PDB file of N, CA and C in Angstrom:
ATOM      1  N   UNK A   1     -62.282 150.359  77.392  1.00  0.00           N
ATOM      2  CA  UNK A   1     -63.468 151.106  77.092  1.00  0.00           C
ATOM      3  C   UNK A   1     -64.073 151.589  78.416  1.00  0.00           C
ATOM      4  N   UNK A   2     -64.408 152.844  78.469  1.00  0.00           N
ATOM      5  CA  UNK A   2     -64.933 153.428  79.691  1.00  0.00           C
ATOM      6  C   UNK A   2     -66.456 153.275  79.737  1.00  0.00           C
ATOM      7  N   UNK A   3     -67.026 153.201  80.941  1.00  0.00           N
ATOM      8  CA  UNK A   3     -68.478 153.061  81.059  1.00  0.00           C
ATOM      9  C   UNK A   3     -69.253 154.191  80.381  1.00  0.00           C
ATOM     10  N   UNK A   4     -68.723 155.410  80.404  1.00  0.00           N
ATOM     11  CA  UNK A   4     -69.395 156.529  79.747  1.00  0.00           C
ATOM     12  C   UNK A   4     -69.485 156.304  78.235  1.00  0.00           C
ATOM     13  N   UNK A   5     -68.466 155.696  77.659  1.00  0.00           N
ATOM     14  CA  UNK A   5     -68.471 155.392  76.231  1.00  0.00           C
ATOM     15  C   UNK A   5     -69.508 154.321  75.913  1.00  0.00           C
ATOM     16  N   UNK A   6     -69.674 153.378  76.813  1.00  0.00           N
ATOM     17  CA  UNK A   6     -70.617 152.289  76.597  1.00  0.00           C
ATOM     18  C   UNK A   6     -72.052 152.786  76.722  1.00  0.00           C
ATOM     19  N   UNK A   7     -72.312 153.666  77.683  1.00  0.00           N
ATOM     20  CA  UNK A   7     -73.673 154.156  77.921  1.00  0.00           C
ATOM     21  C   UNK A   7     -74.227 154.930  76.734  1.00  0.00           C
ATOM     22  N   UNK A   8     -73.362 155.495  75.911  1.00  0.00           N
ATOM     23  CA  UNK A   8     -73.798 156.268  74.751  1.00  0.00           C
ATOM     24  C   UNK A   8     -74.315 155.353  73.638  1.00  0.00           C
ATOM     25  N   UNK A   9     -73.859 154.119  73.609  1.00  0.00           N
ATOM     26  CA  UNK A   9     -74.196 153.191  72.533  1.00  0.00           C
ATOM     27  C   UNK A   9     -75.619 152.661  72.674  1.00  0.00           C
ATOM     28  N   UNK A  10     -76.226 152.348  71.540  1.00  0.00           N
ATOM     29  CA  UNK A  10     -77.568 151.760  71.543  1.00  0.00           C
ATOM     30  C   UNK A  10     -77.471 150.265  71.847  1.00  0.00           C
ATOM     31  N   UNK A  11     -78.621 149.636  72.057  1.00  0.00           N
ATOM     32  CA  UNK A  11     -78.628 148.209  72.356  1.00  0.00           C
ATOM     33  C   UNK A  11     -78.065 147.385  71.200  1.00  0.00           C
ATOM     34  N   UNK A  12     -78.391 147.768  69.985  1.00  0.00           N
ATOM     35  CA  UNK A  12     -77.870 147.039  68.824  1.00  0.00           C
ATOM     36  C   UNK A  12     -76.358 147.182  68.725  1.00  0.00           C
ATOM     37  N   UNK A  13     -75.857 148.373  69.004  1.00  0.00           N
ATOM     38  CA  UNK A  13     -74.415 148.583  68.971  1.00  0.00           C
ATOM     39  C   UNK A  13     -73.718 147.794  70.080  1.00  0.00           C
ATOM     40  N   UNK A  14     -74.373 147.685  71.232  1.00  0.00           N
ATOM     41  CA  UNK A  14     -73.803 146.888  72.318  1.00  0.00           C
ATOM     42  C   UNK A  14     -73.737 145.418  71.941  1.00  0.00           C
ATOM     43  N   UNK A  15     -74.792 144.915  71.308  1.00  0.00           N
ATOM     44  CA  UNK A  15     -74.787 143.525  70.860  1.00  0.00           C
ATOM     45  C   UNK A  15     -73.648 143.281  69.868  1.00  0.00           C
ATOM     46  N   UNK A  16     -73.471 144.217  68.943  1.00  0.00           N
ATOM     47  CA  UNK A  16     -72.402 144.091  67.950  1.00  0.00           C
ATOM     48  C   UNK A  16     -71.034 144.143  68.628  1.00  0.00           C
ATOM     49  N   UNK A  17     -70.889 145.038  69.610  1.00  0.00           N
ATOM     50  CA  UNK A  17     -69.616 145.172  70.316  1.00  0.00           C
ATOM     51  C   UNK A  17     -69.290 143.895  71.090  1.00  0.00           C
ATOM     52  N   UNK A  18     -70.292 143.300  71.735  1.00  0.00           N
ATOM     53  CA  UNK A  18     -70.079 142.049  72.471  1.00  0.00           C
ATOM     54  C   UNK A  18     -69.653 140.942  71.508  1.00  0.00           C
ATOM     55  N   UNK A  19     -70.323 140.860  70.379  1.00  0.00           N
ATOM     56  CA  UNK A  19     -69.991 139.832  69.390  1.00  0.00           C
ATOM     57  C   UNK A  19     -68.551 139.993  68.919  1.00  0.00           C
ATOM     58  N   UNK A  20     -68.138 141.232  68.654  1.00  0.00           N
ATOM     59  CA  UNK A  20     -66.777 141.503  68.204  1.00  0.00           C
ATOM     60  C   UNK A  20     -65.752 141.146  69.286  1.00  0.00           C
ATOM     61  N   UNK A  21     -66.034 141.545  70.519  1.00  0.00           N
ATOM     62  CA  UNK A  21     -65.112 141.263  71.614  1.00  0.00           C
ATOM     63  C   UNK A  21     -64.983 139.767  71.868  1.00  0.00           C
ATOM     64  N   UNK A  22     -66.093 139.041  71.798  1.00  0.00           N
ATOM     65  CA  UNK A  22     -66.031 137.597  72.023  1.00  0.00           C
ATOM     66  C   UNK A  22     -65.238 136.894  70.924  1.00  0.00           C
ATOM     67  N   UNK A  23     -65.362 137.378  69.699  1.00  0.00           N
ATOM     68  CA  UNK A  23     -64.583 136.809  68.599  1.00  0.00           C
ATOM     69  C   UNK A  23     -63.091 137.048  68.825  1.00  0.00           C
ATOM     70  N   UNK A  24     -62.758 138.275  69.212  1.00  0.00           N
ATOM     71  CA  UNK A  24     -61.352 138.591  69.483  1.00  0.00           C
ATOM     72  C   UNK A  24     -60.829 137.778  70.664  1.00  0.00           C
ATOM     73  N   UNK A  25     -61.657 137.620  71.704  1.00  0.00           N
ATOM     74  CA  UNK A  25     -61.278 136.845  72.881  1.00  0.00           C
ATOM     75  C   UNK A  25     -60.992 135.397  72.509  1.00  0.00           C
ATOM     76  N   UNK A  26     -61.855 134.823  71.662  1.00  0.00           N
ATOM     77  CA  UNK A  26     -61.677 133.439  71.225  1.00  0.00           C
ATOM     78  C   UNK A  26     -60.357 133.286  70.474  1.00  0.00           C
ATOM     79  N   UNK A  27     -60.046 134.248  69.599  1.00  0.00           N
ATOM     80  CA  UNK A  27     -58.796 134.184  68.838  1.00  0.00           C
ATOM     81  C   UNK A  27     -57.577 134.289  69.762  1.00  0.00           C
ATOM     82  N   UNK A  28     -57.663 135.153  70.760  1.00  0.00           N
ATOM     83  CA  UNK A  28     -56.548 135.300  71.691  1.00  0.00           C
ATOM     84  C   UNK A  28     -56.365 134.055  72.551  1.00  0.00           C
ATOM     85  N   UNK A  29     -57.456 133.436  72.955  1.00  0.00           N
ATOM     86  CA  UNK A  29     -57.342 132.198  73.729  1.00  0.00           C
ATOM     87  C   UNK A  29     -56.699 131.102  72.892  1.00  0.00           C
ATOM     88  N   UNK A  30     -57.034 131.061  71.607  1.00  0.00           N
ATOM     89  CA  UNK A  30     -56.412 130.073  70.733  1.00  0.00           C
ATOM     90  C   UNK A  30     -54.912 130.344  70.605  1.00  0.00           C
ATOM     91  N   UNK A  31     -54.552 131.610  70.422  1.00  0.00           N
ATOM     92  CA  UNK A  31     -53.135 131.961  70.339  1.00  0.00           C
ATOM     93  C   UNK A  31     -52.401 131.588  71.622  1.00  0.00           C
ATOM     94  N   UNK A  32     -53.066 131.779  72.756  1.00  0.00           N
ATOM     95  CA  UNK A  32     -52.454 131.424  74.036  1.00  0.00           C
ATOM     96  C   UNK A  32     -52.229 129.915  74.138  1.00  0.00           C
ATOM     97  N   UNK A  33     -53.192 129.153  73.673  1.00  0.00           N
ATOM     98  CA  UNK A  33     -53.077 127.697  73.735  1.00  0.00           C
ATOM     99  C   UNK A  33     -51.944 127.191  72.840  1.00  0.00           C
ATOM    100  N   UNK A  34     -51.754 127.863  71.726  1.00  0.00           N
ATOM    101  CA  UNK A  34     -50.723 127.445  70.780  1.00  0.00           C
ATOM    102  C   UNK A  34     -49.355 127.982  71.189  1.00  0.00           C
ATOM    103  N   UNK A  35     -49.338 128.988  72.058  1.00  0.00           N
ATOM    104  CA  UNK A  35     -48.080 129.562  72.500  1.00  0.00           C
ATOM    105  C   UNK A  35     -47.633 130.748  71.679  1.00  0.00           C
ATOM    106  N   UNK A  36     -48.532 131.374  70.924  1.00  0.00           N
ATOM    107  CA  UNK A  36     -48.165 132.500  70.068  1.00  0.00           C
ATOM    108  C   UNK A  36     -48.661 133.838  70.608  1.00  0.00           C
ATOM    109  N   UNK A  37     -49.258 133.850  71.786  1.00  0.00           N
ATOM    110  CA  UNK A  37     -49.839 135.071  72.326  1.00  0.00           C
ATOM    111  C   UNK A  37     -48.758 136.015  72.826  1.00  0.00           C
ATOM    112  N   UNK A  38     -48.817 137.270  72.358  1.00  0.00           N
ATOM    113  CA  UNK A  38     -47.867 138.277  72.821  1.00  0.00           C
ATOM    114  C   UNK A  38     -48.540 139.339  73.692  1.00  0.00           C
ATOM    115  N   UNK A  39     -49.805 139.634  73.439  1.00  0.00           N
ATOM    116  CA  UNK A  39     -50.540 140.660  74.190  1.00  0.00           C
ATOM    117  C   UNK A  39     -51.373 139.982  75.277  1.00  0.00           C
ATOM    118  N   UNK A  40     -50.716 139.598  76.349  1.00  0.00           N
ATOM    119  CA  UNK A  40     -51.409 138.843  77.394  1.00  0.00           C
ATOM    120  C   UNK A  40     -52.422 139.687  78.160  1.00  0.00           C
ATOM    121  N   UNK A  41     -52.190 140.973  78.267  1.00  0.00           N
ATOM    122  CA  UNK A  41     -53.124 141.818  79.021  1.00  0.00           C
ATOM    123  C   UNK A  41     -54.409 142.087  78.252  1.00  0.00           C
ATOM    124  N   UNK A  42     -54.381 141.889  76.956  1.00  0.00           N
ATOM    125  CA  UNK A  42     -55.582 142.154  76.138  1.00  0.00           C
ATOM    126  C   UNK A  42     -56.718 141.210  76.515  1.00  0.00           C
ATOM    127  N   UNK A  43     -56.414 139.990  76.902  1.00  0.00           N
ATOM    128  CA  UNK A  43     -57.453 139.041  77.307  1.00  0.00           C
ATOM    129  C   UNK A  43     -58.207 139.592  78.511  1.00  0.00           C
ATOM    130  N   UNK A  44     -57.492 140.096  79.477  1.00  0.00           N
ATOM    131  CA  UNK A  44     -58.119 140.664  80.677  1.00  0.00           C
ATOM    132  C   UNK A  44     -58.958 141.896  80.321  1.00  0.00           C
ATOM    133  N   UNK A  45     -58.462 142.743  79.432  1.00  0.00           N
ATOM    134  CA  UNK A  45     -59.201 143.936  79.019  1.00  0.00           C
ATOM    135  C   UNK A  45     -60.516 143.559  78.345  1.00  0.00           C
ATOM    136  N   UNK A  46     -60.463 142.563  77.482  1.00  0.00           N
ATOM    137  CA  UNK A  46     -61.658 142.130  76.771  1.00  0.00           C
ATOM    138  C   UNK A  46     -62.686 141.594  77.753  1.00  0.00           C
ATOM    139  N   UNK A  47     -62.256 140.757  78.694  1.00  0.00           N
ATOM    140  CA  UNK A  47     -63.187 140.205  79.681  1.00  0.00           C
ATOM    141  C   UNK A  47     -63.850 141.304  80.495  1.00  0.00           C
ATOM    142  N   UNK A  48     -63.078 142.298  80.882  1.00  0.00           N
ATOM    143  CA  UNK A  48     -63.634 143.404  81.658  1.00  0.00           C
ATOM    144  C   UNK A  48     -64.588 144.254  80.819  1.00  0.00           C
ATOM    145  N   UNK A  49     -64.265 144.473  79.549  1.00  0.00           N
ATOM    146  CA  UNK A  49     -65.162 145.230  78.669  1.00  0.00           C
ATOM    147  C   UNK A  49     -66.496 144.502  78.496  1.00  0.00           C
ATOM    148  N   UNK A  50     -66.437 143.193  78.314  1.00  0.00           N
ATOM    149  CA  UNK A  50     -67.661 142.407  78.174  1.00  0.00           C
ATOM    150  C   UNK A  50     -68.489 142.509  79.454  1.00  0.00           C
ATOM    151  N   UNK A  51     -67.842 142.426  80.601  1.00  0.00           N
ATOM    152  CA  UNK A  51     -68.552 142.533  81.874  1.00  0.00           C
ATOM    153  C   UNK A  51     -69.173 143.916  82.029  1.00  0.00           C
ATOM    154  N   UNK A  52     -68.465 144.954  81.624  1.00  0.00           N
ATOM    155  CA  UNK A  52     -69.016 146.310  81.709  1.00  0.00           C
ATOM    156  C   UNK A  52     -70.258 146.456  80.841  1.00  0.00           C
ATOM    157  N   UNK A  53     -70.193 145.910  79.644  1.00  0.00           N
ATOM    158  CA  UNK A  53     -71.342 145.996  78.740  1.00  0.00           C
ATOM    159  C   UNK A  53     -72.536 145.264  79.337  1.00  0.00           C
ATOM    160  N   UNK A  54     -72.308 144.079  79.875  1.00  0.00           N
ATOM    161  CA  UNK A  54     -73.401 143.327  80.489  1.00  0.00           C
ATOM    162  C   UNK A  54     -73.980 144.084  81.684  1.00  0.00           C
ATOM    163  N   UNK A  55     -73.138 144.728  82.463  1.00  0.00           N
ATOM    164  CA  UNK A  55     -73.600 145.496  83.616  1.00  0.00           C
ATOM    165  C   UNK A  55     -74.488 146.659  83.177  1.00  0.00           C
ATOM    166  N   UNK A  56     -74.071 147.370  82.165  1.00  0.00           N
ATOM    167  CA  UNK A  56     -74.852 148.510  81.683  1.00  0.00           C
ATOM    168  C   UNK A  56     -76.159 148.050  81.058  1.00  0.00           C
ATOM    169  N   UNK A  57     -76.142 146.920  80.363  1.00  0.00           N
ATOM    170  CA  UNK A  57     -77.397 146.379  79.817  1.00  0.00           C
ATOM    171  C   UNK A  57     -78.355 146.007  80.939  1.00  0.00           C
ATOM    172  N   UNK A  58     -77.832 145.436  82.024  1.00  0.00           N
ATOM    173  CA  UNK A  58     -78.667 145.092  83.174  1.00  0.00           C
ATOM    174  C   UNK A  58     -79.231 146.354  83.815  1.00  0.00           C
ATOM    175  N   UNK A  59     -78.416 147.400  83.930  1.00  0.00           N
ATOM    176  CA  UNK A  59     -78.896 148.666  84.471  1.00  0.00           C
ATOM    177  C   UNK A  59     -80.056 149.200  83.644  1.00  0.00           C
ATOM    178  N   UNK A  60     -79.916 149.131  82.324  1.00  0.00           N
ATOM    179  CA  UNK A  60     -80.983 149.611  81.438  1.00  0.00           C
ATOM    180  C   UNK A  60     -82.263 148.796  81.620  1.00  0.00           C
ATOM    181  N   UNK A  61     -82.116 147.484  81.732  1.00  0.00           N
ATOM    182  CA  UNK A  61     -83.288 146.630  81.918  1.00  0.00           C
ATOM    183  C   UNK A  61     -83.984 146.935  83.238  1.00  0.00           C
ATOM    184  N   UNK A  62     -83.207 147.112  84.302  1.00  0.00           N
ATOM    185  CA  UNK A  62     -83.787 147.430  85.598  1.00  0.00           C
ATOM    186  C   UNK A  62     -84.463 148.797  85.577  1.00  0.00           C
ATOM    187  N   UNK A  63     -83.854 149.759  84.895  1.00  0.00           N
ATOM    188  CA  UNK A  63     -84.443 151.085  84.796  1.00  0.00           C
ATOM    189  C   UNK A  63     -85.763 151.031  84.027  1.00  0.00           C
ATOM    190  N   UNK A  64     -85.789 150.268  82.948  1.00  0.00           N
ATOM    191  CA  UNK A  64     -87.019 150.132  82.165  1.00  0.00           C
ATOM    192  C   UNK A  64     -88.110 149.446  82.986  1.00  0.00           C
ATOM    193  N   UNK A  65     -87.751 148.433  83.761  1.00  0.00           N
ATOM    194  CA  UNK A  65     -88.726 147.742  84.593  1.00  0.00           C
ATOM    195  C   UNK A  65     -89.262 148.672  85.679  1.00  0.00           C
ATOM    196  N   UNK A  66     -88.398 149.494  86.243  1.00  0.00           N
ATOM    197  CA  UNK A  66     -88.821 150.448  87.261  1.00  0.00           C
ATOM    198  C   UNK A  66     -89.767 151.488  86.667  1.00  0.00           C
ATOM    199  N   UNK A  67     -89.422 151.979  85.495  1.00  0.00           N
ATOM    200  CA  UNK A  67     -90.278 152.960  84.823  1.00  0.00           C
ATOM    201  C   UNK A  67     -91.645 152.364  84.509  1.00  0.00           C
ATOM    202  N   UNK A  68     -91.663 151.114  84.069  1.00  0.00           N
ATOM    203  CA  UNK A  68     -92.929 150.453  83.752  1.00  0.00           C
ATOM    204  C   UNK A  68     -93.763 150.256  85.010  1.00  0.00           C
ATOM    205  N   UNK A  69     -93.118 149.876  86.099  1.00  0.00           N
ATOM    206  CA  UNK A  69     -93.840 149.663  87.351  1.00  0.00           C
ATOM    207  C   UNK A  69     -94.412 150.976  87.876  1.00  0.00           C
ATOM    208  N   UNK A  70     -93.645 152.023  87.772  1.00  0.00           N
ATOM    209  CA  UNK A  70     -94.134 153.331  88.209  1.00  0.00           C
ATOM    210  C   UNK A  70     -95.264 153.821  87.315  1.00  0.00           C
ATOM    211  N   UNK A  71     -95.153 153.527  86.043  1.00  0.00           N
ATOM    212  CA  UNK A  71     -96.207 153.922  85.101  1.00  0.00           C
ATOM    213  C   UNK A  71     -97.517 153.205  85.391  1.00  0.00           C
ATOM    214  N   UNK A  72     -97.455 151.943  85.791  1.00  0.00           N
ATOM    215  CA  UNK A  72     -98.676 151.206  86.100  1.00  0.00           C
ATOM    216  C   UNK A  72     -99.341 151.731  87.365  1.00  0.00           C
ATOM    217  N   UNK A  73     -98.539 152.266  88.264  1.00  0.00           N
ATOM    218  CA  UNK A  73     -99.081 152.791  89.507  1.00  0.00           C
ATOM    219  C   UNK A  73     -99.541 154.236  89.344  1.00  0.00           C
ATOM    220  N   UNK A  74     -99.268 154.825  88.203  1.00  0.00           N
ATOM    221  CA  UNK A  74     -99.679 156.207  87.967  1.00  0.00           C
ATOM    222  C   UNK A  74     -98.758 157.226  88.581  1.00  0.00           C
ATOM    223  N   UNK A  75     -97.554 156.818  88.921  1.00  0.00           N
ATOM    224  CA  UNK A  75     -96.575 157.716  89.518  1.00  0.00           C
ATOM    225  C   UNK A  75     -95.643 158.199  88.417  1.00  0.00           C
ATOM    226  N   UNK A  76     -95.433 159.505  88.370  1.00  0.00           N
ATOM    227  CA  UNK A  76     -94.493 160.040  87.403  1.00  0.00           C
ATOM    228  C   UNK A  76     -93.137 160.137  88.047  1.00  0.00           C
ATOM    229  N   UNK A  77     -92.102 159.622  87.373  1.00  0.00           N
ATOM    230  CA  UNK A  77     -90.753 159.651  87.946  1.00  0.00           C
ATOM    231  C   UNK A  77     -90.238 161.082  88.012  1.00  0.00           C
ATOM    232  N   UNK A  78     -89.435 161.342  88.996  1.00  0.00           N
ATOM    233  CA  UNK A  78     -88.877 162.698  89.199  1.00  0.00           C
ATOM    234  C   UNK A  78     -87.722 162.953  88.289  1.00  0.00           C
TER     235      UNK A  78
END
């Protein structure tokens, strides 16, 4: 999943996507433990997708905090 695709999603959709990815990750880890895993690279992809989503959520939170701080000071963002 590309960062541009993630940025388009709403916060609720991101939460749902994280929940889905974590469920899939858990199932793949179980398959790996049992010795039935065939798609070994999928685990790495899922971990990176989860990290990307968390990064974009943090960016949004920081942007909102910056906007709020500027609003309290009476400065309009450019």
